[in-house]
N, C-alpha and C. Protein backbone atom coordinates (compact mmCIF):
# COMPACT_ATOMS: atom_id res chain seq x y z
N MET A 1 347.20 134.35 22.45
CA MET A 1 346.92 135.29 21.36
C MET A 1 348.17 136.14 21.08
N ALA A 2 348.59 136.15 19.84
CA ALA A 2 349.79 136.91 19.48
C ALA A 2 349.48 138.40 19.48
N PRO A 3 350.49 139.23 19.82
CA PRO A 3 350.27 140.67 19.79
C PRO A 3 350.08 141.17 18.36
N ALA A 4 349.56 142.37 18.23
CA ALA A 4 349.42 142.96 16.91
C ALA A 4 350.79 143.12 16.28
N PRO A 5 350.88 143.13 14.95
CA PRO A 5 352.17 143.33 14.29
C PRO A 5 352.86 144.59 14.79
N LEU A 6 354.18 144.57 14.76
CA LEU A 6 354.96 145.68 15.31
C LEU A 6 354.58 147.01 14.66
N ALA A 7 354.40 147.01 13.34
CA ALA A 7 354.07 148.26 12.64
C ALA A 7 352.76 148.85 13.15
N VAL A 8 351.77 147.99 13.41
CA VAL A 8 350.48 148.46 13.91
C VAL A 8 350.62 149.01 15.32
N ARG A 9 351.40 148.30 16.15
CA ARG A 9 351.58 148.75 17.53
C ARG A 9 352.30 150.09 17.58
N VAL A 10 353.33 150.25 16.76
CA VAL A 10 354.08 151.51 16.73
C VAL A 10 353.18 152.65 16.26
N CYS A 11 352.44 152.40 15.18
CA CYS A 11 351.58 153.46 14.63
C CYS A 11 350.43 153.80 15.56
N ALA A 12 349.90 152.81 16.30
CA ALA A 12 348.82 153.07 17.24
C ALA A 12 349.28 153.95 18.39
N PHE A 13 350.57 153.93 18.69
CA PHE A 13 351.12 154.78 19.74
C PHE A 13 351.61 156.12 19.19
N VAL A 14 352.39 156.07 18.12
CA VAL A 14 353.03 157.29 17.60
C VAL A 14 352.01 158.20 16.93
N GLY A 15 350.99 157.64 16.26
CA GLY A 15 349.98 158.45 15.58
C GLY A 15 349.32 159.46 16.51
N PRO A 16 348.74 159.01 17.64
CA PRO A 16 348.14 159.97 18.57
C PRO A 16 349.16 160.94 19.17
N VAL A 17 350.40 160.48 19.39
CA VAL A 17 351.43 161.37 19.92
C VAL A 17 351.71 162.51 18.94
N LEU A 18 351.77 162.20 17.65
CA LEU A 18 351.98 163.24 16.64
C LEU A 18 350.79 164.20 16.60
N LEU A 19 349.59 163.66 16.74
CA LEU A 19 348.39 164.51 16.78
C LEU A 19 348.42 165.41 18.01
N LEU A 20 348.90 164.88 19.12
CA LEU A 20 349.05 165.68 20.33
C LEU A 20 350.06 166.81 20.10
N GLY A 21 351.17 166.47 19.42
CA GLY A 21 352.16 167.50 19.11
C GLY A 21 351.59 168.59 18.23
N TYR A 22 350.77 168.19 17.26
CA TYR A 22 350.13 169.19 16.40
C TYR A 22 349.22 170.11 17.20
N GLY A 23 348.47 169.52 18.13
CA GLY A 23 347.58 170.32 18.96
C GLY A 23 348.33 171.33 19.80
N LEU A 24 349.46 170.91 20.38
CA LEU A 24 350.26 171.82 21.20
C LEU A 24 350.85 172.95 20.36
N LEU A 25 351.36 172.61 19.18
CA LEU A 25 351.92 173.63 18.29
C LEU A 25 350.84 174.60 17.83
N ARG A 26 349.63 174.08 17.63
CA ARG A 26 348.53 174.96 17.23
C ARG A 26 348.21 175.96 18.33
N GLN A 27 348.26 175.51 19.58
CA GLN A 27 348.02 176.42 20.69
C GLN A 27 349.12 177.47 20.79
N ILE A 28 350.36 177.04 20.60
CA ILE A 28 351.48 177.99 20.63
C ILE A 28 351.36 179.00 19.50
N ASP A 29 350.97 178.52 18.33
CA ASP A 29 350.83 179.39 17.16
C ASP A 29 349.74 180.44 17.38
N GLY A 30 348.75 180.09 18.17
CA GLY A 30 347.64 181.02 18.39
C GLY A 30 347.81 181.96 19.55
N LEU A 31 348.97 181.94 20.19
CA LEU A 31 349.19 182.83 21.34
C LEU A 31 349.14 184.30 20.95
N ASP A 32 349.50 184.61 19.69
CA ASP A 32 349.46 186.00 19.23
C ASP A 32 348.09 186.38 18.68
N GLY A 33 347.11 185.46 18.81
CA GLY A 33 345.76 185.73 18.34
C GLY A 33 345.52 185.39 16.90
N ASP A 34 346.53 184.84 16.23
CA ASP A 34 346.38 184.52 14.81
C ASP A 34 347.03 183.17 14.53
N ILE A 35 346.28 182.25 13.95
CA ILE A 35 346.81 180.95 13.56
C ILE A 35 346.98 180.96 12.05
N GLY A 36 348.20 180.82 11.60
CA GLY A 36 348.42 180.90 10.16
C GLY A 36 349.79 180.42 9.76
N PRO A 37 350.13 180.57 8.50
CA PRO A 37 351.41 180.08 7.99
C PRO A 37 352.59 180.58 8.81
N GLY A 38 353.55 179.70 8.99
CA GLY A 38 354.74 179.99 9.78
C GLY A 38 355.35 178.69 10.24
N PRO A 39 356.45 178.74 10.98
CA PRO A 39 357.12 177.50 11.42
C PRO A 39 356.22 176.56 12.20
N ASN A 40 355.49 177.10 13.19
CA ASN A 40 354.61 176.24 13.99
C ASN A 40 353.51 175.62 13.13
N TRP A 41 352.98 176.40 12.22
CA TRP A 41 351.95 175.91 11.30
C TRP A 41 352.49 174.77 10.44
N ASN A 42 353.66 174.99 9.86
CA ASN A 42 354.23 173.99 8.95
C ASN A 42 354.62 172.71 9.68
N VAL A 43 355.28 172.86 10.82
CA VAL A 43 355.67 171.67 11.57
C VAL A 43 354.44 170.92 12.09
N GLY A 44 353.48 171.68 12.61
CA GLY A 44 352.26 171.06 13.11
C GLY A 44 351.51 170.29 12.05
N HIS A 45 351.37 170.89 10.87
CA HIS A 45 350.67 170.19 9.79
C HIS A 45 351.45 168.98 9.28
N THR A 46 352.77 169.06 9.35
CA THR A 46 353.57 167.90 8.97
C THR A 46 353.36 166.75 9.95
N LEU A 47 353.30 167.07 11.24
CA LEU A 47 353.01 166.05 12.25
C LEU A 47 351.63 165.44 12.01
N PHE A 48 350.66 166.29 11.71
CA PHE A 48 349.30 165.82 11.42
C PHE A 48 349.31 164.89 10.21
N LEU A 49 350.05 165.27 9.18
CA LEU A 49 350.13 164.47 7.95
C LEU A 49 350.69 163.08 8.23
N VAL A 50 351.83 163.03 8.92
CA VAL A 50 352.46 161.74 9.22
C VAL A 50 351.57 160.93 10.16
N GLY A 51 350.92 161.62 11.11
CA GLY A 51 350.04 160.92 12.03
C GLY A 51 348.90 160.22 11.31
N PHE A 52 348.33 160.86 10.30
CA PHE A 52 347.22 160.23 9.59
C PHE A 52 347.68 159.12 8.66
N VAL A 53 348.92 159.20 8.18
CA VAL A 53 349.47 158.05 7.46
C VAL A 53 349.54 156.84 8.40
N MET A 54 349.96 157.09 9.64
CA MET A 54 350.03 156.01 10.63
C MET A 54 348.64 155.50 10.98
N PHE A 55 347.65 156.39 11.05
CA PHE A 55 346.28 155.95 11.30
C PHE A 55 345.80 155.02 10.17
N GLY A 56 346.23 155.30 8.95
CA GLY A 56 345.88 154.41 7.84
C GLY A 56 346.47 153.03 8.03
N VAL A 57 347.72 152.97 8.52
CA VAL A 57 348.34 151.68 8.81
C VAL A 57 347.57 150.93 9.89
N VAL A 58 347.12 151.65 10.91
CA VAL A 58 346.36 151.03 12.00
C VAL A 58 345.02 150.50 11.49
N ILE A 59 344.38 151.25 10.60
CA ILE A 59 343.09 150.81 10.05
C ILE A 59 343.25 149.47 9.33
N VAL A 60 344.25 149.38 8.47
CA VAL A 60 344.50 148.12 7.74
C VAL A 60 344.88 147.01 8.72
N GLY A 61 345.70 147.36 9.72
CA GLY A 61 346.12 146.36 10.70
C GLY A 61 344.96 145.84 11.52
N MET A 62 344.04 146.72 11.92
CA MET A 62 342.87 146.27 12.68
C MET A 62 342.02 145.31 11.86
N ARG A 63 341.85 145.63 10.59
CA ARG A 63 341.04 144.74 9.75
C ARG A 63 341.67 143.35 9.68
N ARG A 64 342.98 143.30 9.59
CA ARG A 64 343.65 141.99 9.51
C ARG A 64 343.57 141.22 10.82
N LEU A 65 343.41 141.93 11.93
CA LEU A 65 343.31 141.27 13.23
C LEU A 65 341.92 140.71 13.50
N ILE A 66 340.93 141.18 12.74
CA ILE A 66 339.55 140.76 12.98
C ILE A 66 339.27 139.45 12.26
N ASP A 67 338.89 138.44 13.02
CA ASP A 67 338.51 137.16 12.45
C ASP A 67 337.03 137.24 12.09
N ALA A 68 336.76 137.78 10.90
CA ALA A 68 335.38 138.05 10.52
C ALA A 68 334.70 136.88 9.83
N GLY A 69 335.45 135.85 9.49
CA GLY A 69 334.84 134.71 8.82
C GLY A 69 334.34 135.08 7.43
N THR A 70 333.13 134.67 7.12
CA THR A 70 332.54 134.95 5.82
C THR A 70 331.18 135.61 6.01
N GLY A 71 330.61 136.08 4.91
CA GLY A 71 329.27 136.63 4.95
C GLY A 71 329.24 138.10 5.31
N GLY A 72 328.13 138.50 5.97
CA GLY A 72 327.88 139.91 6.25
C GLY A 72 328.92 140.55 7.15
N LEU A 73 329.41 139.80 8.13
CA LEU A 73 330.40 140.37 9.06
C LEU A 73 331.68 140.73 8.32
N ARG A 74 332.08 139.86 7.42
CA ARG A 74 333.30 140.13 6.65
C ARG A 74 333.11 141.35 5.76
N LEU A 75 331.95 141.43 5.11
CA LEU A 75 331.67 142.59 4.26
C LEU A 75 331.64 143.88 5.08
N GLY A 76 331.05 143.79 6.28
CA GLY A 76 331.00 144.96 7.15
C GLY A 76 332.39 145.42 7.57
N ALA A 77 333.26 144.47 7.91
CA ALA A 77 334.63 144.81 8.30
C ALA A 77 335.39 145.43 7.13
N ASP A 78 335.20 144.86 5.94
CA ASP A 78 335.86 145.41 4.76
C ASP A 78 335.36 146.81 4.45
N ALA A 79 334.05 147.01 4.58
CA ALA A 79 333.47 148.34 4.31
C ALA A 79 333.98 149.36 5.32
N ALA A 80 334.11 148.95 6.58
CA ALA A 80 334.64 149.85 7.61
C ALA A 80 336.07 150.24 7.30
N MET A 81 336.87 149.29 6.83
CA MET A 81 338.26 149.59 6.47
C MET A 81 338.31 150.58 5.31
N VAL A 82 337.50 150.35 4.29
CA VAL A 82 337.49 151.25 3.14
C VAL A 82 337.05 152.64 3.54
N ALA A 83 336.00 152.73 4.36
CA ALA A 83 335.51 154.04 4.82
C ALA A 83 336.59 154.78 5.60
N GLY A 84 337.25 154.06 6.50
CA GLY A 84 338.31 154.68 7.28
C GLY A 84 339.46 155.17 6.42
N LEU A 85 339.84 154.37 5.42
CA LEU A 85 340.94 154.76 4.54
C LEU A 85 340.56 155.94 3.65
N VAL A 86 339.33 155.95 3.15
CA VAL A 86 338.87 157.09 2.35
C VAL A 86 338.90 158.37 3.19
N GLY A 87 338.39 158.28 4.41
CA GLY A 87 338.40 159.45 5.29
C GLY A 87 339.82 159.91 5.57
N ALA A 88 340.72 158.98 5.88
CA ALA A 88 342.11 159.34 6.16
C ALA A 88 342.76 159.96 4.93
N GLY A 89 342.45 159.41 3.75
CA GLY A 89 343.01 159.96 2.52
C GLY A 89 342.55 161.40 2.28
N CYS A 90 341.31 161.68 2.60
CA CYS A 90 340.80 163.05 2.43
C CYS A 90 341.48 164.01 3.40
N PHE A 91 341.71 163.56 4.63
CA PHE A 91 342.44 164.41 5.58
C PHE A 91 343.85 164.70 5.06
N LEU A 92 344.50 163.69 4.48
CA LEU A 92 345.84 163.89 3.93
C LEU A 92 345.79 164.88 2.77
N TRP A 93 344.77 164.77 1.94
CA TRP A 93 344.60 165.67 0.79
C TRP A 93 344.49 167.12 1.26
N VAL A 94 343.64 167.36 2.25
CA VAL A 94 343.45 168.71 2.76
C VAL A 94 344.73 169.24 3.41
N THR A 95 345.41 168.38 4.16
CA THR A 95 346.62 168.81 4.85
C THR A 95 347.72 169.17 3.85
N LEU A 96 347.86 168.37 2.81
CA LEU A 96 348.84 168.69 1.77
C LEU A 96 348.49 170.02 1.10
N GLY A 97 347.18 170.28 0.92
CA GLY A 97 346.76 171.55 0.36
C GLY A 97 347.08 172.72 1.27
N ASP A 98 347.01 172.49 2.60
CA ASP A 98 347.38 173.54 3.55
C ASP A 98 348.87 173.83 3.51
N LEU A 99 349.66 172.78 3.31
CA LEU A 99 351.11 172.96 3.28
C LEU A 99 351.60 173.53 1.96
N PHE A 100 350.91 173.17 0.88
CA PHE A 100 351.32 173.61 -0.45
C PHE A 100 350.13 174.28 -1.13
N GLU A 101 350.13 175.59 -1.12
CA GLU A 101 348.98 176.34 -1.65
C GLU A 101 348.74 176.05 -3.13
N GLY A 102 349.80 175.84 -3.87
CA GLY A 102 349.63 175.54 -5.30
C GLY A 102 348.85 174.27 -5.53
N LEU A 103 349.06 173.27 -4.67
CA LEU A 103 348.33 172.01 -4.78
C LEU A 103 346.85 172.23 -4.48
N ASP A 104 346.57 173.05 -3.48
CA ASP A 104 345.17 173.31 -3.12
C ASP A 104 344.46 174.06 -4.24
N ASP A 105 345.17 174.96 -4.91
CA ASP A 105 344.57 175.70 -6.02
C ASP A 105 344.35 174.79 -7.23
N ALA A 106 345.29 173.88 -7.45
CA ALA A 106 345.20 173.01 -8.63
C ALA A 106 344.20 171.87 -8.43
N ALA A 107 344.16 171.32 -7.22
CA ALA A 107 343.30 170.16 -6.98
C ALA A 107 342.67 170.24 -5.60
N PRO A 108 341.73 171.14 -5.41
CA PRO A 108 341.07 171.23 -4.10
C PRO A 108 340.17 170.02 -3.84
N LEU A 109 340.03 169.67 -2.58
CA LEU A 109 339.13 168.57 -2.23
C LEU A 109 337.69 169.00 -2.46
N PRO A 110 336.91 168.21 -3.20
CA PRO A 110 335.51 168.57 -3.43
C PRO A 110 334.74 168.77 -2.12
N GLU A 111 333.82 169.71 -2.14
CA GLU A 111 333.07 170.05 -0.93
C GLU A 111 332.31 168.84 -0.39
N SER A 112 331.81 168.00 -1.28
CA SER A 112 331.07 166.83 -0.82
C SER A 112 331.96 165.91 0.02
N LEU A 113 333.21 165.75 -0.41
CA LEU A 113 334.13 164.90 0.35
C LEU A 113 334.54 165.56 1.67
N LYS A 114 334.58 166.89 1.68
CA LYS A 114 334.90 167.58 2.93
C LYS A 114 333.84 167.28 4.00
N LEU A 115 332.60 167.12 3.56
CA LEU A 115 331.52 166.82 4.49
C LEU A 115 331.52 165.35 4.90
N ILE A 116 331.85 164.48 3.95
CA ILE A 116 331.76 163.05 4.19
C ILE A 116 332.98 162.50 4.91
N ALA A 117 334.16 163.06 4.61
CA ALA A 117 335.43 162.47 5.07
C ALA A 117 335.51 162.28 6.58
N PRO A 118 335.23 163.30 7.40
CA PRO A 118 335.35 163.08 8.85
C PRO A 118 334.44 161.97 9.36
N LEU A 119 333.20 161.94 8.86
CA LEU A 119 332.26 160.91 9.30
C LEU A 119 332.71 159.53 8.86
N ALA A 120 333.19 159.42 7.60
CA ALA A 120 333.66 158.13 7.09
C ALA A 120 334.84 157.63 7.91
N PHE A 121 335.77 158.52 8.21
CA PHE A 121 336.95 158.13 8.98
C PHE A 121 336.54 157.65 10.38
N GLU A 122 335.72 158.43 11.05
CA GLU A 122 335.35 158.09 12.42
C GLU A 122 334.50 156.82 12.49
N LEU A 123 333.51 156.70 11.60
CA LEU A 123 332.65 155.51 11.62
C LEU A 123 333.45 154.26 11.24
N GLY A 124 334.31 154.37 10.24
CA GLY A 124 335.14 153.23 9.86
C GLY A 124 336.05 152.80 10.99
N TRP A 125 336.70 153.78 11.61
CA TRP A 125 337.62 153.50 12.71
C TRP A 125 336.90 152.85 13.89
N LEU A 126 335.78 153.45 14.30
CA LEU A 126 335.05 152.95 15.46
C LEU A 126 334.44 151.58 15.18
N SER A 127 333.98 151.37 13.96
CA SER A 127 333.41 150.06 13.62
C SER A 127 334.45 148.96 13.75
N LEU A 128 335.67 149.24 13.29
CA LEU A 128 336.74 148.24 13.39
C LEU A 128 337.11 147.99 14.86
N LEU A 129 337.15 149.05 15.65
CA LEU A 129 337.45 148.87 17.08
C LEU A 129 336.38 148.02 17.77
N ILE A 130 335.12 148.31 17.46
CA ILE A 130 334.03 147.56 18.09
C ILE A 130 334.07 146.10 17.65
N LEU A 131 334.35 145.85 16.38
CA LEU A 131 334.47 144.47 15.91
C LEU A 131 335.62 143.75 16.59
N LEU A 132 336.72 144.47 16.83
CA LEU A 132 337.83 143.85 17.55
C LEU A 132 337.43 143.49 18.97
N VAL A 133 336.67 144.37 19.62
CA VAL A 133 336.21 144.09 20.98
C VAL A 133 335.30 142.86 20.99
N VAL A 134 334.40 142.79 20.03
CA VAL A 134 333.44 141.69 19.98
C VAL A 134 334.11 140.37 19.63
N ARG A 135 334.99 140.41 18.63
CA ARG A 135 335.62 139.18 18.15
C ARG A 135 336.84 138.77 18.97
N SER A 136 337.52 139.75 19.57
CA SER A 136 338.74 139.45 20.33
C SER A 136 338.75 140.27 21.62
N PRO A 137 337.86 139.98 22.57
CA PRO A 137 337.78 140.80 23.79
C PRO A 137 339.05 140.76 24.62
N ARG A 138 339.86 139.72 24.47
CA ARG A 138 341.10 139.65 25.23
C ARG A 138 342.17 140.53 24.60
N ARG A 139 341.98 140.91 23.37
CA ARG A 139 342.94 141.78 22.70
C ARG A 139 342.62 143.25 22.96
N LEU A 140 341.33 143.59 23.00
CA LEU A 140 340.93 144.99 23.13
C LEU A 140 339.78 145.10 24.11
N PRO A 141 339.87 145.92 25.18
CA PRO A 141 338.79 146.06 26.16
C PRO A 141 337.68 146.94 25.61
N TRP A 142 336.52 146.87 26.25
CA TRP A 142 335.34 147.60 25.79
C TRP A 142 335.53 149.10 25.85
N TRP A 143 336.35 149.59 26.78
CA TRP A 143 336.49 151.04 26.94
C TRP A 143 337.37 151.68 25.86
N SER A 144 338.06 150.86 25.08
CA SER A 144 338.92 151.43 24.04
C SER A 144 338.12 152.23 23.00
N PRO A 145 337.08 151.65 22.35
CA PRO A 145 336.31 152.46 21.40
C PRO A 145 335.57 153.61 22.07
N VAL A 146 335.24 153.48 23.36
CA VAL A 146 334.56 154.57 24.07
C VAL A 146 335.48 155.78 24.17
N LEU A 147 336.73 155.56 24.56
CA LEU A 147 337.68 156.67 24.67
C LEU A 147 338.01 157.25 23.30
N VAL A 148 338.15 156.40 22.30
CA VAL A 148 338.45 156.89 20.95
C VAL A 148 337.29 157.74 20.44
N ALA A 149 336.06 157.28 20.66
CA ALA A 149 334.89 158.08 20.26
C ALA A 149 334.88 159.40 21.00
N GLY A 150 335.23 159.38 22.29
CA GLY A 150 335.29 160.62 23.05
C GLY A 150 336.35 161.57 22.50
N GLY A 151 337.48 161.01 22.10
CA GLY A 151 338.53 161.84 21.50
C GLY A 151 338.08 162.50 20.22
N PHE A 152 337.42 161.72 19.36
CA PHE A 152 336.89 162.28 18.11
C PHE A 152 335.87 163.37 18.41
N GLY A 153 335.01 163.12 19.40
CA GLY A 153 333.98 164.09 19.73
C GLY A 153 334.56 165.40 20.23
N VAL A 154 335.60 165.32 21.07
CA VAL A 154 336.24 166.52 21.60
C VAL A 154 336.87 167.33 20.48
N ILE A 155 337.55 166.64 19.56
CA ILE A 155 338.22 167.34 18.45
C ILE A 155 337.18 167.99 17.54
N ALA A 156 336.09 167.28 17.27
CA ALA A 156 335.05 167.84 16.40
C ALA A 156 334.37 169.04 17.04
N ALA A 157 334.25 169.02 18.37
CA ALA A 157 333.56 170.11 19.07
C ALA A 157 334.37 171.39 19.05
N ASP A 158 335.69 171.28 19.22
CA ASP A 158 336.53 172.48 19.30
C ASP A 158 337.97 172.10 18.99
N LEU A 159 338.53 172.65 17.91
CA LEU A 159 339.91 172.35 17.54
C LEU A 159 340.90 172.81 18.60
N ASP A 160 340.51 173.77 19.42
CA ASP A 160 341.39 174.20 20.49
C ASP A 160 341.56 173.11 21.55
N LEU A 161 340.69 172.10 21.53
CA LEU A 161 340.79 170.98 22.46
C LEU A 161 341.45 169.77 21.80
N LEU A 162 342.15 170.01 20.70
CA LEU A 162 342.75 168.91 19.94
C LEU A 162 343.73 168.11 20.79
N SER A 163 344.49 168.79 21.65
CA SER A 163 345.46 168.07 22.49
C SER A 163 344.75 167.12 23.44
N LEU A 164 343.62 167.57 24.02
CA LEU A 164 342.85 166.69 24.90
C LEU A 164 342.30 165.50 24.13
N GLY A 165 341.76 165.76 22.93
CA GLY A 165 341.25 164.67 22.12
C GLY A 165 342.32 163.68 21.75
N ALA A 166 343.52 164.18 21.41
CA ALA A 166 344.62 163.29 21.08
C ALA A 166 345.03 162.45 22.28
N GLY A 167 344.97 163.04 23.48
CA GLY A 167 345.28 162.29 24.69
C GLY A 167 344.29 161.14 24.91
N LEU A 168 343.01 161.38 24.64
CA LEU A 168 342.02 160.31 24.74
C LEU A 168 342.28 159.21 23.72
N LEU A 169 342.66 159.61 22.51
CA LEU A 169 343.00 158.61 21.49
C LEU A 169 344.20 157.77 21.93
N LEU A 170 345.18 158.43 22.51
CA LEU A 170 346.39 157.73 22.95
C LEU A 170 346.06 156.67 24.00
N VAL A 171 345.24 157.04 24.98
CA VAL A 171 344.86 156.08 26.02
C VAL A 171 343.97 154.99 25.44
N GLY A 172 343.03 155.38 24.57
CA GLY A 172 342.12 154.41 23.98
C GLY A 172 342.81 153.38 23.12
N LEU A 173 343.89 153.78 22.46
CA LEU A 173 344.61 152.86 21.58
C LEU A 173 345.76 152.14 22.28
N ALA A 174 346.00 152.48 23.55
CA ALA A 174 347.11 151.85 24.28
C ALA A 174 347.02 150.32 24.29
N PRO A 175 345.83 149.71 24.49
CA PRO A 175 345.79 148.24 24.47
C PRO A 175 346.20 147.65 23.12
N LEU A 176 345.97 148.39 22.04
CA LEU A 176 346.38 147.90 20.73
C LEU A 176 347.88 148.06 20.53
N ALA A 177 348.44 149.10 21.15
CA ALA A 177 349.87 149.37 20.99
C ALA A 177 350.73 148.45 21.85
N LEU A 178 350.18 147.98 22.98
CA LEU A 178 350.96 147.16 23.90
C LEU A 178 350.79 145.68 23.56
N PRO A 179 351.83 144.87 23.79
CA PRO A 179 351.70 143.43 23.56
C PRO A 179 350.65 142.83 24.47
N VAL A 180 349.99 141.79 23.98
CA VAL A 180 348.99 141.08 24.78
C VAL A 180 349.70 140.08 25.69
N ILE A 181 349.39 140.12 27.00
CA ILE A 181 349.97 139.17 27.96
C ILE A 181 348.84 138.33 28.53
N ARG A 182 348.85 137.06 28.24
CA ARG A 182 347.80 136.17 28.73
C ARG A 182 348.22 135.56 30.07
N PRO A 183 347.23 135.18 30.89
CA PRO A 183 347.58 134.54 32.16
C PRO A 183 348.45 133.32 31.98
N ASP A 184 348.20 132.50 30.94
CA ASP A 184 348.98 131.29 30.76
C ASP A 184 350.38 131.58 30.25
N ASP A 185 350.68 132.85 29.90
CA ASP A 185 352.03 133.20 29.50
C ASP A 185 352.97 133.17 30.71
N ARG A 186 352.40 133.16 31.92
CA ARG A 186 353.21 133.15 33.12
C ARG A 186 353.47 131.72 33.59
N SER A 187 353.10 130.75 32.80
CA SER A 187 353.25 129.37 33.20
C SER A 187 354.73 128.98 33.25
N VAL A 188 355.01 127.83 33.83
CA VAL A 188 356.39 127.36 33.98
C VAL A 188 356.97 127.05 32.62
N PRO A 189 358.21 127.44 32.33
CA PRO A 189 358.82 127.14 31.03
C PRO A 189 358.85 125.65 30.77
N PRO A 190 358.80 125.26 29.46
CA PRO A 190 358.77 123.84 29.11
C PRO A 190 359.91 123.06 29.74
N ALA A 191 361.13 123.63 29.76
CA ALA A 191 362.28 122.91 30.30
C ALA A 191 362.07 122.58 31.78
N ALA A 192 361.51 123.58 32.52
CA ALA A 192 361.27 123.36 33.94
C ALA A 192 360.20 122.30 34.14
N SER A 193 359.16 122.33 33.25
CA SER A 193 358.10 121.34 33.35
C SER A 193 358.65 119.94 33.13
N ALA A 194 359.59 119.84 32.15
CA ALA A 194 360.17 118.53 31.85
C ALA A 194 360.95 118.03 33.04
N ARG A 195 361.71 118.93 33.69
CA ARG A 195 362.49 118.50 34.86
C ARG A 195 361.57 118.06 35.99
N GLY A 196 360.45 118.83 36.16
CA GLY A 196 359.50 118.46 37.21
C GLY A 196 358.87 117.13 36.94
N GLY A 197 358.54 116.89 35.66
CA GLY A 197 357.90 115.63 35.31
C GLY A 197 358.80 114.44 35.53
N SER A 198 360.12 114.62 35.20
CA SER A 198 361.05 113.51 35.34
C SER A 198 361.31 113.16 36.80
N SER A 199 361.24 114.21 37.68
CA SER A 199 361.51 113.95 39.09
C SER A 199 360.37 113.24 39.78
N SER A 200 359.15 113.32 39.17
CA SER A 200 358.00 112.69 39.80
C SER A 200 357.91 111.21 39.52
N ARG A 201 358.72 110.74 38.53
CA ARG A 201 358.65 109.32 38.19
C ARG A 201 359.49 108.50 39.15
């Protein structure tokens, strides 16, 4: 089984790291009792913004890795990808509004999307992970979506725990970020096999 494309592997690793950085900067920003505009705020939100762009790349990459065939499974995988991308896009919209107040005043995210976006992102993401586990268990272990779900749950419960949630995402996505090594990849190289075969004759 070939590893995931390089772009997907890089984004699956760097995305959670950027989210972790945002969480740490948020904690530093709140040491004075107030979280608000300033260097830590701006840098942290920029990390969050880039991280969610990378999450969008991972969502598309996971869909391409899923051998869904035809019929309902394929439609479900496509719907999960769309839901995840819509959710990620809404997060980007809100973050850009936080960074640029004029944009938020001119084009605020509708309240309905604010309610739907987190759920769409999480359900789309988790659905794709579960499909990857079911369709390609050698590529992704069962505990990967469990840790990712735990990370989402921690972040949703308390933003002050964002760093912990990002750490869970990082570990949960590690199998996707790392190349797949199969047992038969350790077999004898073809040249050595040829030499062995010729000596046996």
